[in-house]
Amino acid sequence: MEAGKLRHKVALQRAVTPTASSSGQRQPTYQTYGMAWAGFQPQSTHGEDASLGGKRAAQTRVLILMRTRTDMAPSDRIVWDDGRVFDVIGTLNTFEAVDEMVVAAVQVIT
């Protein structure tokens, strides 16, 4: 792995038992289970009228490079050092590398 590729400190978070909000809906809360250094590579952006109550939203898909971990799950999320939140879609083992992995993720911007 090249030096300088992993220059952003990120928090790895996992959903814990959902709590009921004031409207009675179950809202997941997240707990940080680890920190890592990561590199980001934007892939695509598109707008959509998603299931966000008819509000317009944009999605940014990114690939996140980090050292190999065995504790990540598709339901996890990654919080970048500037506060942006990326939902994990899945992980890739590039070229069967033992020291690095690529995480496919999406950021929904409302």
N, C-alpha and C. Protein backbone atom coordinates (compact mmCIF):
# COMPACT_ATOMS: atom_id res chain seq x y z
N MET A 1 0.84 -1.17 0.00
CA MET A 1 0.00 0.00 0.00
C MET A 1 0.89 1.24 0.00
N GLU A 2 0.54 2.21 -0.83
CA GLU A 2 1.34 3.42 -0.95
C GLU A 2 1.13 4.35 0.23
N ALA A 3 2.22 4.93 0.69
CA ALA A 3 2.13 5.90 1.78
C ALA A 3 1.33 7.12 1.31
N GLY A 4 0.51 7.67 2.16
CA GLY A 4 -0.25 8.86 1.84
C GLY A 4 -1.63 8.59 1.27
N LYS A 5 -1.93 7.35 0.86
CA LYS A 5 -3.26 7.04 0.35
C LYS A 5 -4.32 7.13 1.45
N LEU A 6 -3.95 6.71 2.64
CA LEU A 6 -4.89 6.67 3.76
C LEU A 6 -4.66 7.90 4.63
N ARG A 7 -5.26 9.01 4.26
CA ARG A 7 -4.97 10.25 4.98
C ARG A 7 -6.16 10.80 5.76
N HIS A 8 -7.28 10.09 5.79
CA HIS A 8 -8.46 10.54 6.52
C HIS A 8 -8.77 9.59 7.66
N LYS A 9 -8.91 10.14 8.85
CA LYS A 9 -9.28 9.34 10.02
C LYS A 9 -10.80 9.16 10.00
N VAL A 10 -11.26 7.92 10.05
CA VAL A 10 -12.70 7.64 10.01
C VAL A 10 -13.11 6.82 11.22
N ALA A 11 -14.38 6.99 11.58
CA ALA A 11 -14.98 6.18 12.65
C ALA A 11 -15.83 5.11 12.00
N LEU A 12 -15.71 3.89 12.48
CA LEU A 12 -16.53 2.78 12.01
C LEU A 12 -17.65 2.59 13.01
N GLN A 13 -18.88 2.63 12.53
CA GLN A 13 -20.03 2.58 13.44
C GLN A 13 -20.98 1.46 13.05
N ARG A 14 -21.64 0.92 14.08
CA ARG A 14 -22.62 -0.15 13.89
C ARG A 14 -23.91 0.23 14.59
N ALA A 15 -25.04 -0.11 13.95
CA ALA A 15 -26.35 0.17 14.54
C ALA A 15 -26.53 -0.70 15.78
N VAL A 16 -27.08 -0.08 16.80
CA VAL A 16 -27.41 -0.81 18.03
C VAL A 16 -28.92 -0.80 18.18
N THR A 17 -29.44 -1.38 19.23
CA THR A 17 -30.87 -1.52 19.43
C THR A 17 -31.60 -0.22 19.11
N PRO A 18 -32.55 -0.28 18.17
CA PRO A 18 -33.28 0.94 17.82
C PRO A 18 -34.09 1.47 19.00
N THR A 19 -34.15 2.79 19.09
CA THR A 19 -34.96 3.44 20.12
C THR A 19 -36.12 4.14 19.44
N ALA A 20 -37.23 4.25 20.13
CA ALA A 20 -38.40 4.91 19.57
C ALA A 20 -38.22 6.43 19.62
N SER A 21 -38.53 7.08 18.51
CA SER A 21 -38.45 8.54 18.47
C SER A 21 -39.75 9.12 19.03
N SER A 22 -39.85 10.45 19.09
CA SER A 22 -41.05 11.08 19.62
C SER A 22 -42.29 10.75 18.79
N SER A 23 -42.09 10.40 17.50
CA SER A 23 -43.23 10.03 16.65
C SER A 23 -43.57 8.54 16.75
N GLY A 24 -42.79 7.79 17.55
CA GLY A 24 -43.05 6.37 17.73
C GLY A 24 -42.29 5.48 16.76
N GLN A 25 -41.58 6.06 15.79
CA GLN A 25 -40.81 5.26 14.85
C GLN A 25 -39.53 4.80 15.49
N ARG A 26 -39.08 3.62 15.10
CA ARG A 26 -37.82 3.08 15.60
C ARG A 26 -36.67 3.68 14.82
N GLN A 27 -35.82 4.44 15.49
CA GLN A 27 -34.66 5.08 14.87
C GLN A 27 -33.40 4.36 15.35
N PRO A 28 -32.59 3.85 14.42
CA PRO A 28 -31.36 3.21 14.87
C PRO A 28 -30.38 4.23 15.45
N THR A 29 -29.69 3.84 16.47
CA THR A 29 -28.61 4.66 16.99
C THR A 29 -27.32 3.91 16.65
N TYR A 30 -26.25 4.64 16.54
CA TYR A 30 -24.99 4.04 16.12
C TYR A 30 -23.94 4.19 17.20
N GLN A 31 -23.09 3.17 17.30
CA GLN A 31 -22.02 3.15 18.27
C GLN A 31 -20.70 2.92 17.52
N THR A 32 -19.70 3.71 17.84
CA THR A 32 -18.39 3.56 17.21
C THR A 32 -17.70 2.32 17.77
N TYR A 33 -17.27 1.43 16.89
CA TYR A 33 -16.57 0.21 17.32
C TYR A 33 -15.11 0.20 16.88
N GLY A 34 -14.70 1.21 16.13
CA GLY A 34 -13.31 1.25 15.71
C GLY A 34 -12.99 2.53 14.96
N MET A 35 -11.71 2.80 14.83
CA MET A 35 -11.20 3.93 14.06
C MET A 35 -10.23 3.36 13.03
N ALA A 36 -10.11 4.05 11.90
CA ALA A 36 -9.19 3.59 10.86
C ALA A 36 -8.75 4.77 10.01
N TRP A 37 -7.66 4.58 9.29
CA TRP A 37 -7.23 5.56 8.30
C TRP A 37 -7.75 5.08 6.96
N ALA A 38 -8.26 6.01 6.15
CA ALA A 38 -8.89 5.62 4.89
C ALA A 38 -8.62 6.64 3.79
N GLY A 39 -8.77 6.19 2.56
CA GLY A 39 -8.71 7.04 1.39
C GLY A 39 -10.04 6.95 0.65
N PHE A 40 -10.48 8.05 0.06
CA PHE A 40 -11.79 8.10 -0.60
C PHE A 40 -11.63 8.35 -2.09
N GLN A 41 -12.44 7.65 -2.89
CA GLN A 41 -12.46 7.85 -4.33
C GLN A 41 -13.92 7.93 -4.78
N PRO A 42 -14.41 9.15 -5.09
CA PRO A 42 -15.79 9.29 -5.57
C PRO A 42 -16.01 8.50 -6.85
N GLN A 43 -17.19 7.90 -7.00
CA GLN A 43 -17.51 7.10 -8.18
C GLN A 43 -18.60 7.75 -9.03
N SER A 44 -19.70 8.14 -8.41
CA SER A 44 -20.79 8.73 -9.17
C SER A 44 -21.71 9.50 -8.23
N THR A 45 -22.48 10.40 -8.81
CA THR A 45 -23.47 11.17 -8.06
C THR A 45 -24.73 11.25 -8.92
N HIS A 46 -25.87 11.10 -8.28
CA HIS A 46 -27.11 11.30 -9.00
C HIS A 46 -28.20 11.75 -8.04
N GLY A 47 -29.18 12.47 -8.57
CA GLY A 47 -30.30 12.95 -7.78
C GLY A 47 -31.49 12.03 -7.95
N GLU A 48 -32.32 11.97 -6.93
CA GLU A 48 -33.51 11.14 -7.01
C GLU A 48 -34.56 11.63 -6.03
N ASP A 49 -35.80 11.31 -6.30
CA ASP A 49 -36.88 11.55 -5.36
C ASP A 49 -37.06 10.24 -4.61
N ALA A 50 -36.24 10.04 -3.63
CA ALA A 50 -36.19 8.77 -2.91
C ALA A 50 -37.32 8.68 -1.90
N SER A 51 -37.26 7.67 -1.09
CA SER A 51 -38.26 7.48 -0.05
C SER A 51 -37.99 8.40 1.13
N LEU A 52 -37.75 9.64 0.84
CA LEU A 52 -37.45 10.62 1.87
C LEU A 52 -38.61 11.59 2.00
N GLY A 53 -39.82 11.06 1.95
CA GLY A 53 -40.99 11.90 2.07
C GLY A 53 -41.18 12.82 0.88
N GLY A 54 -40.76 12.38 -0.32
CA GLY A 54 -40.92 13.19 -1.52
C GLY A 54 -39.86 14.26 -1.67
N LYS A 55 -38.92 14.34 -0.73
CA LYS A 55 -37.85 15.34 -0.82
C LYS A 55 -36.82 14.89 -1.85
N ARG A 56 -36.24 15.85 -2.50
CA ARG A 56 -35.17 15.57 -3.46
C ARG A 56 -33.89 15.26 -2.68
N ALA A 57 -33.18 14.24 -3.13
CA ALA A 57 -31.95 13.84 -2.46
C ALA A 57 -30.90 13.52 -3.51
N ALA A 58 -29.66 13.64 -3.14
CA ALA A 58 -28.55 13.25 -4.01
C ALA A 58 -27.80 12.12 -3.33
N GLN A 59 -27.33 11.20 -4.15
CA GLN A 59 -26.51 10.11 -3.65
C GLN A 59 -25.13 10.22 -4.25
N THR A 60 -24.13 10.08 -3.42
CA THR A 60 -22.76 10.02 -3.88
C THR A 60 -22.22 8.64 -3.54
N ARG A 61 -21.80 7.92 -4.56
CA ARG A 61 -21.21 6.60 -4.34
C ARG A 61 -19.70 6.75 -4.31
N VAL A 62 -19.08 6.09 -3.35
CA VAL A 62 -17.63 6.19 -3.19
C VAL A 62 -17.03 4.82 -2.94
N LEU A 63 -15.75 4.72 -3.24
CA LEU A 63 -14.95 3.57 -2.83
C LEU A 63 -14.02 4.07 -1.75
N ILE A 64 -13.95 3.33 -0.65
CA ILE A 64 -13.12 3.73 0.48
C ILE A 64 -12.05 2.65 0.66
N LEU A 65 -10.81 3.07 0.56
CA LEU A 65 -9.67 2.16 0.72
C LEU A 65 -9.21 2.22 2.16
N MET A 66 -9.00 1.04 2.76
CA MET A 66 -8.47 0.98 4.13
C MET A 66 -7.74 -0.33 4.33
N ARG A 67 -7.05 -0.42 5.44
CA ARG A 67 -6.38 -1.67 5.77
C ARG A 67 -7.44 -2.74 6.02
N THR A 68 -7.10 -3.98 5.72
CA THR A 68 -8.05 -5.08 5.84
C THR A 68 -8.56 -5.22 7.26
N ARG A 69 -9.90 -5.39 7.35
CA ARG A 69 -10.58 -5.62 8.63
C ARG A 69 -11.51 -6.81 8.43
N THR A 70 -11.75 -7.54 9.49
CA THR A 70 -12.66 -8.67 9.41
C THR A 70 -13.96 -8.41 10.17
N ASP A 71 -14.09 -7.22 10.75
CA ASP A 71 -15.25 -6.95 11.60
C ASP A 71 -16.29 -6.03 10.96
N MET A 72 -16.18 -5.73 9.66
CA MET A 72 -17.15 -4.84 9.02
C MET A 72 -18.33 -5.63 8.47
N ALA A 73 -19.52 -5.01 8.54
CA ALA A 73 -20.74 -5.63 8.03
C ALA A 73 -21.44 -4.64 7.10
N PRO A 74 -22.27 -5.14 6.16
CA PRO A 74 -22.97 -4.24 5.24
C PRO A 74 -23.92 -3.26 5.92
N SER A 75 -24.30 -3.52 7.15
CA SER A 75 -25.19 -2.60 7.86
C SER A 75 -24.44 -1.50 8.61
N ASP A 76 -23.11 -1.51 8.53
CA ASP A 76 -22.29 -0.52 9.22
C ASP A 76 -22.28 0.80 8.44
N ARG A 77 -21.70 1.80 9.06
CA ARG A 77 -21.50 3.07 8.38
C ARG A 77 -20.13 3.61 8.76
N ILE A 78 -19.63 4.51 7.92
CA ILE A 78 -18.32 5.13 8.11
C ILE A 78 -18.53 6.63 8.22
N VAL A 79 -17.98 7.22 9.26
CA VAL A 79 -18.09 8.67 9.46
C VAL A 79 -16.71 9.27 9.19
N TRP A 80 -16.66 10.11 8.16
CA TRP A 80 -15.42 10.75 7.74
C TRP A 80 -15.01 11.77 8.78
N ASP A 81 -13.75 12.18 8.77
CA ASP A 81 -13.23 13.13 9.76
C ASP A 81 -13.90 14.49 9.71
N ASP A 82 -14.62 14.81 8.62
CA ASP A 82 -15.32 16.10 8.55
C ASP A 82 -16.81 15.96 8.89
N GLY A 83 -17.23 14.78 9.32
CA GLY A 83 -18.61 14.58 9.76
C GLY A 83 -19.54 13.94 8.74
N ARG A 84 -19.11 13.77 7.49
CA ARG A 84 -19.97 13.14 6.49
C ARG A 84 -20.15 11.65 6.82
N VAL A 85 -21.35 11.15 6.53
CA VAL A 85 -21.69 9.76 6.87
C VAL A 85 -21.89 8.96 5.59
N PHE A 86 -21.25 7.79 5.52
CA PHE A 86 -21.34 6.90 4.37
C PHE A 86 -21.87 5.54 4.82
N ASP A 87 -22.95 5.08 4.20
CA ASP A 87 -23.51 3.77 4.50
C ASP A 87 -22.77 2.72 3.70
N VAL A 88 -22.30 1.67 4.37
CA VAL A 88 -21.55 0.60 3.72
C VAL A 88 -22.50 -0.24 2.87
N ILE A 89 -22.11 -0.50 1.62
CA ILE A 89 -22.85 -1.39 0.74
C ILE A 89 -22.22 -2.78 0.78
N GLY A 90 -20.90 -2.83 0.74
CA GLY A 90 -20.19 -4.10 0.76
C GLY A 90 -18.69 -3.88 0.74
N THR A 91 -17.95 -4.95 0.88
CA THR A 91 -16.49 -4.87 0.87
C THR A 91 -15.94 -5.72 -0.26
N LEU A 92 -14.80 -5.29 -0.78
CA LEU A 92 -14.13 -5.98 -1.88
C LEU A 92 -12.70 -6.29 -1.47
N ASN A 93 -12.23 -7.46 -1.84
CA ASN A 93 -10.83 -7.80 -1.63
C ASN A 93 -10.16 -7.64 -2.98
N THR A 94 -9.44 -6.53 -3.17
CA THR A 94 -8.84 -6.23 -4.46
C THR A 94 -7.61 -7.09 -4.71
N PHE A 95 -7.66 -7.83 -5.78
CA PHE A 95 -6.53 -8.65 -6.21
C PHE A 95 -6.03 -9.57 -5.09
N GLU A 96 -6.96 -10.01 -4.24
CA GLU A 96 -6.62 -10.91 -3.12
C GLU A 96 -5.52 -10.32 -2.23
N ALA A 97 -5.52 -9.00 -2.09
CA ALA A 97 -4.54 -8.33 -1.24
C ALA A 97 -4.79 -8.70 0.21
N VAL A 98 -3.73 -8.88 0.96
CA VAL A 98 -3.89 -9.25 2.37
C VAL A 98 -3.83 -8.03 3.29
N ASP A 99 -3.37 -6.90 2.77
CA ASP A 99 -3.21 -5.74 3.65
C ASP A 99 -4.17 -4.60 3.37
N GLU A 100 -4.99 -4.70 2.31
CA GLU A 100 -5.92 -3.62 2.02
C GLU A 100 -7.25 -4.17 1.53
N MET A 101 -8.30 -3.35 1.73
CA MET A 101 -9.62 -3.70 1.23
C MET A 101 -10.29 -2.45 0.72
N VAL A 102 -11.29 -2.64 -0.11
CA VAL A 102 -12.08 -1.53 -0.65
C VAL A 102 -13.50 -1.70 -0.17
N VAL A 103 -14.05 -0.62 0.38
CA VAL A 103 -15.43 -0.63 0.87
C VAL A 103 -16.26 0.21 -0.10
N ALA A 104 -17.31 -0.39 -0.64
CA ALA A 104 -18.25 0.36 -1.47
C ALA A 104 -19.28 0.98 -0.52
N ALA A 105 -19.51 2.29 -0.68
CA ALA A 105 -20.41 2.99 0.23
C ALA A 105 -21.18 4.07 -0.51
N VAL A 106 -22.22 4.58 0.13
CA VAL A 106 -23.05 5.62 -0.46
C VAL A 106 -23.36 6.67 0.61
N GLN A 107 -23.34 7.93 0.18
CA GLN A 107 -23.72 9.04 1.06
C GLN A 107 -25.00 9.63 0.48
N VAL A 108 -26.04 9.71 1.31
CA VAL A 108 -27.29 10.33 0.87
C VAL A 108 -27.31 11.76 1.41
N ILE A 109 -27.47 12.72 0.49
CA ILE A 109 -27.45 14.13 0.85
C ILE A 109 -28.84 14.69 0.61
N THR A 110 -29.49 15.18 1.67
CA THR A 110 -30.84 15.72 1.52
C THR A 110 -30.82 17.23 1.55
